[in-house]
């Protein structure tokens, strides 16, 4: 039976403004959900809410109909989040950086395979400070190869990648889905996932509240 991850009536408040409200989404095993919308519409904020890194001011997340808030540790264990910012230590080598993150999920043994998959195997011993922006992004994406997680949450994963690297990413997502995994990607660039992905335009949930009234009501 497929798993289902969903959000209901989600409202996000950041930077003294309501970003979106009454947002609904769902994604099931074997599916990909692509979040789109202009800058500032809340794509990254929604991904962070899904990951439990940001709290929605209203609404709820559910896993198979059960509230995620009731078992946050279980939710954290089932997901892998790759944010827009590369979490890379410049003085550590490519291999050491990946081994650190993979070690948190028991995936150290998969480090060589992951580096080869994203095209970084030949420079595994290079200090990360010498990586290009595209190589840094590939290293961040290698984390999802080295660590097993059912739910991938990827924030702007194509930024800094050339067409070949984007193809690698697309293949990784398709392989993940074929194995029963689910993926949510926030992006403003085209990404080909076999035409079976679903899209969610965040701008359709733009907040209509009066900022002043709502902020005052919350104090």
N, C-alpha and C. Protein backbone atom coordinates (compact mmCIF):
# COMPACT_ATOMS: atom_id res chain seq x y z
N UNK A 1 0.84 -1.19 0.00
CA UNK A 1 0.00 0.00 0.00
C UNK A 1 0.88 1.25 0.00
N UNK A 2 0.66 2.19 -0.92
CA UNK A 2 1.52 3.37 -0.99
C UNK A 2 1.33 4.29 0.21
N UNK A 3 2.42 4.95 0.57
CA UNK A 3 2.34 5.97 1.61
C UNK A 3 1.89 7.28 1.00
N UNK A 4 1.35 8.17 1.83
CA UNK A 4 0.84 9.45 1.36
C UNK A 4 1.26 10.55 2.33
N UNK A 5 1.89 11.56 1.78
CA UNK A 5 2.32 12.74 2.54
C UNK A 5 1.47 13.91 2.06
N UNK A 6 0.85 14.62 2.99
CA UNK A 6 -0.07 15.67 2.57
C UNK A 6 -0.03 16.87 3.51
N UNK A 7 -0.45 18.02 2.99
CA UNK A 7 -0.56 19.23 3.77
C UNK A 7 -1.94 19.83 3.59
N UNK A 8 -2.49 20.38 4.66
CA UNK A 8 -3.88 20.87 4.62
C UNK A 8 -3.97 22.25 5.27
N UNK A 9 -4.56 23.19 4.53
CA UNK A 9 -4.82 24.55 5.01
C UNK A 9 -3.56 25.22 5.56
N UNK A 10 -2.43 25.00 4.91
CA UNK A 10 -1.16 25.54 5.40
C UNK A 10 -1.08 27.04 5.15
N UNK A 11 -0.66 27.77 6.16
CA UNK A 11 -0.45 29.21 6.06
C UNK A 11 0.96 29.53 6.54
N UNK A 12 1.68 30.33 5.76
CA UNK A 12 3.06 30.68 6.06
C UNK A 12 3.19 32.18 6.30
N UNK A 13 3.85 32.54 7.39
CA UNK A 13 4.10 33.94 7.74
C UNK A 13 5.60 34.12 7.93
N UNK A 14 6.22 34.96 7.08
CA UNK A 14 7.66 35.19 7.16
C UNK A 14 7.96 36.63 6.81
N UNK A 15 8.96 37.20 7.46
CA UNK A 15 9.38 38.55 7.13
C UNK A 15 8.28 39.58 7.30
N UNK A 16 7.48 39.41 8.34
CA UNK A 16 6.38 40.34 8.64
C UNK A 16 5.31 40.38 7.55
N UNK A 17 5.16 39.26 6.84
CA UNK A 17 4.08 39.20 5.85
C UNK A 17 3.59 37.76 5.71
N UNK A 18 2.34 37.62 5.31
CA UNK A 18 1.80 36.31 5.00
C UNK A 18 2.20 35.96 3.58
N UNK A 19 2.85 34.82 3.41
CA UNK A 19 3.37 34.42 2.10
C UNK A 19 2.31 33.65 1.32
N UNK A 20 1.74 32.62 1.94
CA UNK A 20 0.64 31.88 1.31
C UNK A 20 -0.31 31.41 2.40
N UNK A 21 -1.51 31.06 1.99
CA UNK A 21 -2.49 30.58 2.96
C UNK A 21 -3.41 29.55 2.32
N UNK A 22 -4.00 28.71 3.17
CA UNK A 22 -4.95 27.67 2.75
C UNK A 22 -4.36 26.76 1.68
N UNK A 23 -3.06 26.50 1.77
CA UNK A 23 -2.39 25.68 0.75
C UNK A 23 -2.62 24.20 1.02
N UNK A 24 -2.89 23.48 -0.05
CA UNK A 24 -3.12 22.04 0.02
C UNK A 24 -2.15 21.33 -0.93
N UNK A 25 -1.62 20.19 -0.51
CA UNK A 25 -0.79 19.37 -1.40
C UNK A 25 -0.87 17.92 -0.96
N UNK A 26 -0.50 17.03 -1.85
CA UNK A 26 -0.29 15.64 -1.47
C UNK A 26 0.65 14.98 -2.47
N UNK A 27 1.39 14.01 -2.00
CA UNK A 27 2.29 13.23 -2.85
C UNK A 27 2.33 11.82 -2.27
N UNK A 28 2.32 10.83 -3.17
CA UNK A 28 2.30 9.44 -2.74
C UNK A 28 3.55 8.70 -3.22
N UNK A 29 3.72 7.50 -2.71
CA UNK A 29 4.86 6.67 -3.11
C UNK A 29 4.91 6.55 -4.63
N UNK A 30 6.09 6.76 -5.21
CA UNK A 30 6.27 6.67 -6.64
C UNK A 30 5.95 7.95 -7.39
N UNK A 31 5.61 9.01 -6.66
CA UNK A 31 5.23 10.27 -7.30
C UNK A 31 6.27 11.36 -7.08
N UNK A 32 6.21 12.37 -7.96
CA UNK A 32 7.02 13.57 -7.81
C UNK A 32 6.09 14.77 -7.90
N UNK A 33 6.31 15.72 -7.01
CA UNK A 33 5.53 16.96 -6.99
C UNK A 33 6.50 18.11 -7.23
N UNK A 34 6.26 18.89 -8.29
CA UNK A 34 7.14 20.00 -8.65
C UNK A 34 6.46 21.30 -8.27
N UNK A 35 7.10 22.05 -7.37
CA UNK A 35 6.57 23.33 -6.90
C UNK A 35 7.09 24.44 -7.80
N UNK A 36 6.19 25.26 -8.32
CA UNK A 36 6.58 26.38 -9.17
C UNK A 36 5.96 27.67 -8.64
N UNK A 37 6.38 28.78 -9.23
CA UNK A 37 5.87 30.08 -8.80
C UNK A 37 6.99 31.09 -8.83
N UNK A 38 6.67 32.37 -8.91
CA UNK A 38 7.70 33.42 -8.96
C UNK A 38 8.48 33.52 -7.67
N UNK A 39 9.63 34.20 -7.74
CA UNK A 39 10.41 34.43 -6.53
C UNK A 39 9.56 35.13 -5.47
N UNK A 40 9.66 34.65 -4.24
CA UNK A 40 8.89 35.24 -3.15
C UNK A 40 7.53 34.62 -2.95
N UNK A 41 7.17 33.66 -3.79
CA UNK A 41 5.83 33.05 -3.66
C UNK A 41 5.78 32.02 -2.54
N UNK A 42 6.94 31.56 -2.07
CA UNK A 42 6.96 30.65 -0.92
C UNK A 42 7.39 29.23 -1.21
N UNK A 43 8.03 28.98 -2.34
CA UNK A 43 8.45 27.61 -2.66
C UNK A 43 9.41 27.07 -1.61
N UNK A 44 10.45 27.85 -1.33
CA UNK A 44 11.44 27.39 -0.35
C UNK A 44 10.83 27.28 1.05
N UNK A 45 9.95 28.21 1.38
CA UNK A 45 9.29 28.15 2.69
C UNK A 45 8.44 26.90 2.83
N UNK A 46 7.74 26.53 1.77
CA UNK A 46 6.92 25.32 1.82
C UNK A 46 7.79 24.08 1.98
N UNK A 47 8.90 24.02 1.25
CA UNK A 47 9.80 22.89 1.39
C UNK A 47 10.31 22.79 2.83
N UNK A 48 10.64 23.91 3.43
CA UNK A 48 11.13 23.91 4.81
C UNK A 48 10.04 23.51 5.79
N UNK A 49 8.80 23.90 5.52
CA UNK A 49 7.68 23.46 6.35
C UNK A 49 7.52 21.95 6.24
N UNK A 50 7.61 21.43 5.01
CA UNK A 50 7.50 19.98 4.80
C UNK A 50 8.58 19.23 5.56
N UNK A 51 9.78 19.85 5.66
CA UNK A 51 10.91 19.20 6.32
C UNK A 51 10.88 19.37 7.83
N UNK A 52 9.96 20.18 8.34
CA UNK A 52 9.90 20.42 9.77
C UNK A 52 10.90 21.45 10.26
N UNK A 53 11.48 22.21 9.33
CA UNK A 53 12.46 23.23 9.68
C UNK A 53 11.82 24.59 9.89
N UNK A 54 10.58 24.74 9.48
CA UNK A 54 9.84 25.98 9.64
C UNK A 54 8.40 25.61 10.02
N UNK A 55 7.86 26.32 10.96
CA UNK A 55 6.50 26.02 11.42
C UNK A 55 5.49 26.86 10.65
N UNK A 56 4.44 26.22 10.17
CA UNK A 56 3.33 26.95 9.58
C UNK A 56 2.53 27.59 10.70
N UNK A 57 1.97 28.77 10.45
CA UNK A 57 1.17 29.43 11.49
C UNK A 57 -0.24 28.85 11.54
N UNK A 58 -0.59 28.10 10.53
CA UNK A 58 -1.90 27.44 10.52
C UNK A 58 -1.81 26.23 9.60
N UNK A 59 -2.69 25.26 9.79
CA UNK A 59 -2.72 24.07 8.96
C UNK A 59 -1.93 22.93 9.58
N UNK A 60 -1.84 21.82 8.85
CA UNK A 60 -1.18 20.63 9.39
C UNK A 60 -0.58 19.78 8.27
N UNK A 61 0.42 19.00 8.63
CA UNK A 61 1.01 18.00 7.76
C UNK A 61 0.56 16.63 8.24
N UNK A 62 0.34 15.73 7.29
CA UNK A 62 -0.08 14.37 7.65
C UNK A 62 0.73 13.34 6.87
N UNK A 63 0.95 12.20 7.52
CA UNK A 63 1.57 11.04 6.88
C UNK A 63 0.58 9.89 7.02
N UNK A 64 0.03 9.46 5.91
CA UNK A 64 -1.00 8.42 5.91
C UNK A 64 -2.17 8.79 6.83
N UNK A 65 -2.50 10.07 6.85
CA UNK A 65 -3.64 10.54 7.62
C UNK A 65 -3.35 10.86 9.07
N UNK A 66 -2.14 10.54 9.54
CA UNK A 66 -1.77 10.84 10.92
C UNK A 66 -0.96 12.14 10.97
N UNK A 67 -1.16 12.96 12.01
CA UNK A 67 -0.44 14.23 12.10
C UNK A 67 1.06 14.03 12.26
N UNK A 68 1.84 14.69 11.41
CA UNK A 68 3.29 14.61 11.49
C UNK A 68 3.79 15.19 12.81
N UNK A 69 3.10 16.20 13.33
CA UNK A 69 3.51 16.86 14.57
C UNK A 69 3.52 15.91 15.76
N UNK A 70 2.77 14.82 15.67
CA UNK A 70 2.70 13.88 16.79
C UNK A 70 3.96 13.02 16.89
N UNK A 71 4.65 12.81 15.76
CA UNK A 71 5.86 11.98 15.75
C UNK A 71 6.93 12.65 14.88
N UNK A 72 7.45 13.80 15.30
CA UNK A 72 8.42 14.52 14.47
C UNK A 72 9.70 13.74 14.20
N UNK A 73 10.12 12.89 15.15
CA UNK A 73 11.34 12.11 14.95
C UNK A 73 11.16 11.12 13.80
N UNK A 74 9.98 10.51 13.72
CA UNK A 74 9.70 9.57 12.63
C UNK A 74 9.73 10.28 11.29
N UNK A 75 9.18 11.49 11.27
CA UNK A 75 9.14 12.24 10.02
C UNK A 75 10.55 12.62 9.57
N UNK A 76 11.37 13.05 10.51
CA UNK A 76 12.75 13.41 10.19
C UNK A 76 13.52 12.23 9.63
N UNK A 77 13.24 11.04 10.17
CA UNK A 77 13.96 9.84 9.74
C UNK A 77 13.57 9.40 8.34
N UNK A 78 12.37 9.77 7.89
CA UNK A 78 11.92 9.29 6.59
C UNK A 78 12.24 10.24 5.44
N UNK A 79 12.81 11.41 5.74
CA UNK A 79 13.04 12.40 4.68
C UNK A 79 14.51 12.77 4.55
N UNK A 80 14.83 13.29 3.39
CA UNK A 80 16.15 13.89 3.15
C UNK A 80 15.92 15.24 2.48
N UNK A 81 16.41 16.29 3.14
CA UNK A 81 16.24 17.65 2.66
C UNK A 81 17.56 18.18 2.13
N UNK A 82 17.52 18.72 0.92
CA UNK A 82 18.68 19.39 0.35
C UNK A 82 18.26 20.82 0.04
N UNK A 83 18.79 21.77 0.80
CA UNK A 83 18.39 23.15 0.65
C UNK A 83 19.13 23.88 -0.46
N UNK A 84 18.75 25.11 -0.65
CA UNK A 84 19.37 25.94 -1.68
C UNK A 84 20.83 26.25 -1.34
N UNK A 85 21.13 26.44 -0.06
CA UNK A 85 22.50 26.70 0.37
C UNK A 85 23.27 25.39 0.49
N UNK A 86 24.48 25.36 -0.07
CA UNK A 86 25.30 24.16 0.00
C UNK A 86 25.96 24.05 1.37
N UNK A 87 25.65 22.98 2.09
CA UNK A 87 26.23 22.76 3.42
C UNK A 87 27.55 22.02 3.25
N UNK A 88 28.60 22.75 2.86
CA UNK A 88 29.89 22.15 2.53
C UNK A 88 31.00 22.85 3.31
N UNK A 89 31.90 22.08 3.91
CA UNK A 89 33.06 22.62 4.62
C UNK A 89 34.22 22.76 3.63
N UNK A 90 34.67 23.98 3.35
CA UNK A 90 35.70 24.20 2.33
C UNK A 90 37.02 23.46 2.60
N UNK A 91 37.42 23.31 3.88
CA UNK A 91 38.72 22.71 4.18
C UNK A 91 38.70 21.19 4.11
N UNK A 92 37.52 20.61 4.06
CA UNK A 92 37.40 19.16 3.95
C UNK A 92 37.37 18.75 2.49
N UNK A 93 37.80 17.53 2.21
CA UNK A 93 37.78 17.05 0.83
C UNK A 93 36.34 16.73 0.42
N UNK A 94 36.17 16.50 -0.87
CA UNK A 94 34.86 16.12 -1.39
C UNK A 94 34.38 14.86 -0.69
N UNK A 95 35.27 13.87 -0.58
CA UNK A 95 34.91 12.60 0.07
C UNK A 95 34.56 12.81 1.53
N UNK A 96 35.34 13.60 2.24
CA UNK A 96 35.11 13.83 3.66
C UNK A 96 33.78 14.55 3.90
N UNK A 97 33.46 15.52 3.06
CA UNK A 97 32.19 16.21 3.20
C UNK A 97 31.02 15.25 3.06
N UNK A 98 31.06 14.44 2.04
CA UNK A 98 29.95 13.51 1.82
C UNK A 98 29.90 12.45 2.92
N UNK A 99 31.06 11.98 3.36
CA UNK A 99 31.10 10.95 4.41
C UNK A 99 30.49 11.47 5.70
N UNK A 100 30.70 12.76 5.99
CA UNK A 100 30.11 13.35 7.20
C UNK A 100 28.59 13.25 7.15
N UNK A 101 28.00 13.73 6.05
CA UNK A 101 26.54 13.73 5.94
C UNK A 101 25.99 12.31 5.83
N UNK A 102 26.68 11.46 5.07
CA UNK A 102 26.21 10.08 4.93
C UNK A 102 26.28 9.34 6.26
N UNK A 103 27.27 9.69 7.08
CA UNK A 103 27.41 9.03 8.37
C UNK A 103 26.23 9.28 9.30
N UNK A 104 25.55 10.39 9.10
CA UNK A 104 24.38 10.68 9.93
C UNK A 104 23.22 9.75 9.63
N UNK A 105 23.26 9.13 8.44
CA UNK A 105 22.19 8.22 8.03
C UNK A 105 22.70 6.80 7.77
N UNK A 106 23.90 6.49 8.24
CA UNK A 106 24.43 5.15 8.06
C UNK A 106 24.77 4.81 6.62
N UNK A 107 25.14 5.81 5.83
CA UNK A 107 25.40 5.57 4.42
C UNK A 107 26.85 5.74 4.01
N UNK A 108 27.79 5.64 4.96
CA UNK A 108 29.21 5.85 4.63
C UNK A 108 29.68 4.87 3.55
N UNK A 109 29.18 3.65 3.59
CA UNK A 109 29.58 2.65 2.61
C UNK A 109 29.17 2.98 1.19
N UNK A 110 28.24 3.90 1.04
CA UNK A 110 27.76 4.27 -0.30
C UNK A 110 28.45 5.52 -0.86
N UNK A 111 29.39 6.06 -0.11
CA UNK A 111 30.05 7.30 -0.54
C UNK A 111 30.73 7.16 -1.90
N UNK A 112 31.55 6.13 -2.15
CA UNK A 112 32.20 6.02 -3.46
C UNK A 112 31.19 5.93 -4.61
N UNK A 113 30.15 5.13 -4.42
CA UNK A 113 29.12 4.99 -5.46
C UNK A 113 28.43 6.32 -5.71
N UNK A 114 28.12 7.05 -4.64
CA UNK A 114 27.41 8.32 -4.78
C UNK A 114 28.25 9.33 -5.54
N UNK A 115 29.55 9.40 -5.25
CA UNK A 115 30.43 10.34 -5.93
C UNK A 115 30.57 10.00 -7.41
N UNK A 116 30.64 8.73 -7.72
CA UNK A 116 30.72 8.32 -9.12
C UNK A 116 29.42 8.66 -9.84
N UNK A 117 28.30 8.47 -9.17
CA UNK A 117 26.99 8.71 -9.78
C UNK A 117 26.83 10.16 -10.21
N UNK A 118 27.32 11.08 -9.39
CA UNK A 118 27.17 12.51 -9.71
C UNK A 118 28.39 13.08 -10.43
N UNK A 119 29.33 12.21 -10.81
CA UNK A 119 30.47 12.66 -11.61
C UNK A 119 31.58 13.33 -10.83
N UNK A 120 31.72 12.98 -9.54
CA UNK A 120 32.77 13.60 -8.72
C UNK A 120 33.80 12.59 -8.24
N UNK A 121 33.73 11.37 -8.72
CA UNK A 121 34.63 10.34 -8.25
C UNK A 121 36.09 10.66 -8.49
N UNK A 122 36.40 11.30 -9.61
CA UNK A 122 37.79 11.58 -9.97
C UNK A 122 38.42 12.67 -9.11
N UNK A 123 37.60 13.46 -8.43
CA UNK A 123 38.13 14.55 -7.58
C UNK A 123 37.72 14.36 -6.13
N UNK A 124 37.55 13.11 -5.72
CA UNK A 124 37.09 12.82 -4.36
C UNK A 124 38.01 13.37 -3.29
N UNK A 125 39.32 13.47 -3.58
CA UNK A 125 40.28 13.93 -2.58
C UNK A 125 40.64 15.40 -2.71
N UNK A 126 39.91 16.12 -3.55
CA UNK A 126 40.14 17.56 -3.71
C UNK A 126 39.46 18.32 -2.57
N UNK A 127 40.13 19.31 -1.99
CA UNK A 127 39.47 20.15 -0.97
C UNK A 127 38.27 20.85 -1.59
N UNK A 128 37.19 20.90 -0.87
CA UNK A 128 35.94 21.44 -1.41
C UNK A 128 36.04 22.92 -1.77
N UNK A 129 37.04 23.62 -1.23
CA UNK A 129 37.16 25.05 -1.52
C UNK A 129 37.48 25.31 -2.99
N UNK A 130 37.96 24.29 -3.70
CA UNK A 130 38.32 24.46 -5.10
C UNK A 130 37.21 24.03 -6.06
N UNK A 131 36.08 23.64 -5.55
CA UNK A 131 34.98 23.21 -6.40
C UNK A 131 34.28 24.39 -7.06
N UNK A 132 33.81 24.19 -8.27
CA UNK A 132 32.99 25.19 -8.93
C UNK A 132 31.60 25.17 -8.31
N UNK A 133 30.77 26.14 -8.65
CA UNK A 133 29.42 26.17 -8.09
C UNK A 133 28.63 24.93 -8.53
N UNK A 134 28.82 24.49 -9.76
CA UNK A 134 28.12 23.30 -10.23
C UNK A 134 28.58 22.05 -9.52
N UNK A 135 29.89 21.95 -9.27
CA UNK A 135 30.42 20.80 -8.55
C UNK A 135 29.95 20.78 -7.10
N UNK A 136 29.86 21.95 -6.49
CA UNK A 136 29.34 22.04 -5.13
C UNK A 136 27.90 21.53 -5.09
N UNK A 137 27.13 21.89 -6.10
CA UNK A 137 25.74 21.45 -6.14
C UNK A 137 25.65 19.94 -6.33
N UNK A 138 26.52 19.41 -7.16
CA UNK A 138 26.54 17.96 -7.36
C UNK A 138 26.87 17.25 -6.05
N UNK A 139 27.81 17.83 -5.29
CA UNK A 139 28.18 17.22 -4.00
C UNK A 139 27.00 17.22 -3.04
N UNK A 140 26.21 18.29 -3.04
CA UNK A 140 25.02 18.31 -2.19
C UNK A 140 24.03 17.24 -2.62
N UNK A 141 23.87 17.06 -3.92
CA UNK A 141 22.93 16.06 -4.42
C UNK A 141 23.43 14.64 -4.16
N UNK A 142 24.75 14.48 -4.04
CA UNK A 142 25.29 13.14 -3.74
C UNK A 142 24.79 12.63 -2.41
N UNK A 143 24.38 13.54 -1.53
CA UNK A 143 23.88 13.13 -0.22
C UNK A 143 22.63 12.27 -0.34
N UNK A 144 21.77 12.56 -1.33
CA UNK A 144 20.55 11.76 -1.45
C UNK A 144 20.84 10.38 -2.03
N UNK A 145 21.99 10.23 -2.71
CA UNK A 145 22.38 8.93 -3.23
C UNK A 145 22.97 8.08 -2.11
N UNK A 146 23.74 8.72 -1.22
CA UNK A 146 24.43 7.98 -0.16
C UNK A 146 23.54 7.65 1.02
N UNK A 147 22.42 8.33 1.16
CA UNK A 147 21.56 8.12 2.33
C UNK A 147 20.17 7.67 1.91
N UNK A 148 19.70 6.63 2.51
CA UNK A 148 18.37 6.10 2.20
C UNK A 148 17.29 6.91 2.90
N UNK A 149 16.31 7.40 2.14
CA UNK A 149 15.17 8.12 2.70
C UNK A 149 14.01 8.00 1.72
N UNK A 150 12.82 7.81 2.24
CA UNK A 150 11.67 7.64 1.35
C UNK A 150 11.25 8.95 0.69
N UNK A 151 11.36 10.05 1.43
CA UNK A 151 10.88 11.34 0.94
C UNK A 151 12.05 12.27 0.68
N UNK A 152 12.19 12.71 -0.58
CA UNK A 152 13.20 13.69 -0.95
C UNK A 152 12.56 15.06 -1.04
N UNK A 153 13.16 16.04 -0.37
CA UNK A 153 12.71 17.43 -0.44
C UNK A 153 13.87 18.25 -0.99
N UNK A 154 13.75 18.69 -2.24
CA UNK A 154 14.85 19.33 -2.94
C UNK A 154 14.49 20.76 -3.30
N UNK A 155 15.24 21.71 -2.74
CA UNK A 155 14.98 23.12 -2.97
C UNK A 155 15.92 23.66 -4.04
N UNK A 156 15.37 24.02 -5.20
CA UNK A 156 16.14 24.53 -6.34
C UNK A 156 17.34 23.63 -6.65
N UNK A 157 17.10 22.35 -6.87
CA UNK A 157 18.22 21.43 -7.08
C UNK A 157 18.96 21.62 -8.40
N UNK A 158 18.36 22.31 -9.38
CA UNK A 158 19.02 22.48 -10.68
C UNK A 158 19.90 23.72 -10.76
N UNK A 159 19.86 24.59 -9.75
CA UNK A 159 20.65 25.82 -9.79
C UNK A 159 22.14 25.49 -9.86
N UNK A 160 22.85 26.08 -10.82
CA UNK A 160 24.28 25.86 -10.96
C UNK A 160 24.66 24.63 -11.74
N UNK A 161 23.67 23.82 -12.16
CA UNK A 161 23.96 22.59 -12.89
C UNK A 161 23.89 22.81 -14.40
N UNK A 162 24.82 22.17 -15.13
CA UNK A 162 24.72 22.19 -16.59
C UNK A 162 23.71 21.14 -17.03
N UNK A 163 23.45 21.08 -18.34
CA UNK A 163 22.41 20.19 -18.85
C UNK A 163 22.71 18.72 -18.52
N UNK A 164 23.99 18.34 -18.60
CA UNK A 164 24.36 16.96 -18.28
C UNK A 164 24.05 16.63 -16.83
N UNK A 165 24.40 17.55 -15.92
CA UNK A 165 24.15 17.31 -14.50
C UNK A 165 22.66 17.29 -14.18
N UNK A 166 21.89 18.14 -14.88
CA UNK A 166 20.44 18.12 -14.70
C UNK A 166 19.90 16.75 -15.11
N UNK A 167 20.46 16.19 -16.19
CA UNK A 167 20.04 14.85 -16.62
C UNK A 167 20.33 13.80 -15.57
N UNK A 168 21.47 13.94 -14.89
CA UNK A 168 21.80 13.02 -13.80
C UNK A 168 20.76 13.12 -12.69
N UNK A 169 20.41 14.36 -12.33
CA UNK A 169 19.40 14.58 -11.30
C UNK A 169 18.07 13.97 -11.70
N UNK A 170 17.66 14.19 -12.93
CA UNK A 170 16.39 13.64 -13.40
C UNK A 170 16.40 12.11 -13.30
N UNK A 171 17.53 11.52 -13.66
CA UNK A 171 17.64 10.06 -13.55
C UNK A 171 17.57 9.57 -12.12
N UNK A 172 18.18 10.32 -11.20
CA UNK A 172 18.14 9.95 -9.78
C UNK A 172 16.72 9.98 -9.25
N UNK A 173 15.98 11.03 -9.61
CA UNK A 173 14.60 11.14 -9.14
C UNK A 173 13.75 10.02 -9.72
N UNK A 174 13.95 9.71 -10.99
CA UNK A 174 13.16 8.63 -11.61
C UNK A 174 13.48 7.28 -10.97
N UNK A 175 14.76 7.05 -10.66
CA UNK A 175 15.13 5.79 -10.02
C UNK A 175 14.54 5.71 -8.62
N UNK A 176 14.55 6.83 -7.93
CA UNK A 176 13.97 6.89 -6.58
C UNK A 176 12.48 6.58 -6.62
N UNK A 177 11.78 7.17 -7.57
CA UNK A 177 10.34 6.93 -7.71
C UNK A 177 10.05 5.48 -8.08
N UNK A 178 10.87 4.93 -8.96
CA UNK A 178 10.67 3.54 -9.39
C UNK A 178 10.79 2.57 -8.22
N UNK A 179 11.57 2.96 -7.21
CA UNK A 179 11.73 2.12 -6.03
C UNK A 179 10.69 2.39 -4.96
N UNK A 180 9.69 3.21 -5.29
CA UNK A 180 8.62 3.50 -4.35
C UNK A 180 8.82 4.76 -3.54
N UNK A 181 9.88 5.51 -3.83
CA UNK A 181 10.11 6.75 -3.11
C UNK A 181 9.25 7.88 -3.64
N UNK A 182 9.24 8.99 -2.93
CA UNK A 182 8.51 10.18 -3.36
C UNK A 182 9.45 11.38 -3.30
N UNK A 183 9.19 12.37 -4.17
CA UNK A 183 10.06 13.53 -4.24
C UNK A 183 9.23 14.79 -4.41
N UNK A 184 9.66 15.85 -3.72
CA UNK A 184 9.09 17.19 -3.90
C UNK A 184 10.24 18.10 -4.28
N UNK A 185 10.09 18.81 -5.40
CA UNK A 185 11.14 19.68 -5.90
C UNK A 185 10.59 21.09 -6.08
N UNK A 186 11.30 22.06 -5.52
CA UNK A 186 10.95 23.47 -5.75
C UNK A 186 11.91 24.00 -6.80
N UNK A 187 11.39 24.49 -7.91
CA UNK A 187 12.26 24.91 -8.99
C UNK A 187 11.61 25.99 -9.85
N UNK A 188 12.46 26.81 -10.48
CA UNK A 188 11.95 27.76 -11.46
C UNK A 188 12.51 27.46 -12.84
N UNK A 189 13.22 26.30 -12.95
CA UNK A 189 13.76 25.86 -14.22
C UNK A 189 13.08 24.57 -14.64
N UNK A 190 12.94 24.35 -15.95
CA UNK A 190 12.29 23.12 -16.43
C UNK A 190 13.06 21.88 -15.99
N UNK A 191 12.33 20.84 -15.63
CA UNK A 191 12.94 19.56 -15.28
C UNK A 191 12.05 18.45 -15.83
N UNK A 192 12.67 17.50 -16.52
CA UNK A 192 11.92 16.43 -17.20
C UNK A 192 11.90 15.18 -16.34
N UNK A 193 10.71 14.79 -15.94
CA UNK A 193 10.55 13.61 -15.10
C UNK A 193 9.58 12.63 -15.74
N UNK A 194 9.69 12.48 -17.03
CA UNK A 194 8.88 11.49 -17.74
C UNK A 194 7.46 11.93 -18.01
N UNK A 195 7.15 13.17 -17.68
CA UNK A 195 5.80 13.67 -17.92
C UNK A 195 4.76 13.17 -16.94
N UNK A 196 5.20 12.43 -15.93
CA UNK A 196 4.25 11.88 -14.95
C UNK A 196 4.24 12.66 -13.65
N UNK A 197 5.12 13.68 -13.55
CA UNK A 197 5.14 14.48 -12.32
C UNK A 197 3.91 15.39 -12.26
N UNK A 198 3.54 15.77 -11.06
CA UNK A 198 2.45 16.73 -10.88
C UNK A 198 3.04 18.08 -10.50
N UNK A 199 2.38 19.12 -10.92
CA UNK A 199 2.84 20.47 -10.61
C UNK A 199 1.92 21.17 -9.61
N UNK A 200 2.52 22.04 -8.82
CA UNK A 200 1.75 22.85 -7.89
C UNK A 200 2.27 24.28 -7.96
N UNK A 201 1.47 25.19 -8.48
CA UNK A 201 1.84 26.59 -8.59
C UNK A 201 1.50 27.29 -7.28
N UNK A 202 2.54 27.63 -6.52
CA UNK A 202 2.35 28.22 -5.19
C UNK A 202 1.64 29.56 -5.26
N UNK A 203 1.81 30.26 -6.37
CA UNK A 203 1.20 31.60 -6.47
C UNK A 203 -0.32 31.53 -6.42
N UNK A 204 -0.89 30.37 -6.66
CA UNK A 204 -2.34 30.22 -6.57
C UNK A 204 -2.86 30.27 -5.14
N UNK A 205 -1.93 30.26 -4.17
CA UNK A 205 -2.32 30.31 -2.76
C UNK A 205 -1.80 31.59 -2.09
N UNK A 206 -1.54 32.61 -2.90
CA UNK A 206 -1.03 33.87 -2.35
C UNK A 206 -1.97 34.40 -1.27
N UNK A 207 -1.36 34.86 -0.17
CA UNK A 207 -2.16 35.35 0.96
C UNK A 207 -2.91 36.62 0.59
N UNK A 208 -4.16 36.70 1.02
CA UNK A 208 -4.99 37.87 0.76
C UNK A 208 -5.28 38.65 2.04
N UNK A 209 -4.67 38.27 3.13
CA UNK A 209 -4.93 38.92 4.40
C UNK A 209 -4.34 40.33 4.43
N UNK A 210 -4.91 41.17 5.27
CA UNK A 210 -4.33 42.47 5.55
C UNK A 210 -3.22 42.27 6.58
N UNK A 211 -1.99 42.57 6.20
CA UNK A 211 -0.85 42.28 7.07
C UNK A 211 -0.98 42.95 8.42
N UNK A 212 -1.29 44.23 8.44
CA UNK A 212 -1.36 44.98 9.70
C UNK A 212 -2.37 44.38 10.65
N UNK A 213 -3.57 44.11 10.17
CA UNK A 213 -4.62 43.56 11.03
C UNK A 213 -4.23 42.22 11.60
N UNK A 214 -3.63 41.35 10.76
CA UNK A 214 -3.30 40.03 11.23
C UNK A 214 -2.14 40.04 12.21
N UNK A 215 -1.15 40.89 11.98
CA UNK A 215 -0.03 40.96 12.92
C UNK A 215 -0.52 41.46 14.26
N UNK A 216 -1.39 42.49 14.24
CA UNK A 216 -1.91 43.01 15.49
C UNK A 216 -2.73 41.96 16.23
N UNK A 217 -3.48 41.16 15.47
CA UNK A 217 -4.33 40.14 16.09
C UNK A 217 -3.50 39.06 16.75
N UNK A 218 -2.24 38.85 16.26
CA UNK A 218 -1.40 37.79 16.80
C UNK A 218 -0.62 38.24 18.04
N UNK A 219 -0.64 39.53 18.35
CA UNK A 219 0.15 40.01 19.49
C UNK A 219 -0.64 39.87 20.80
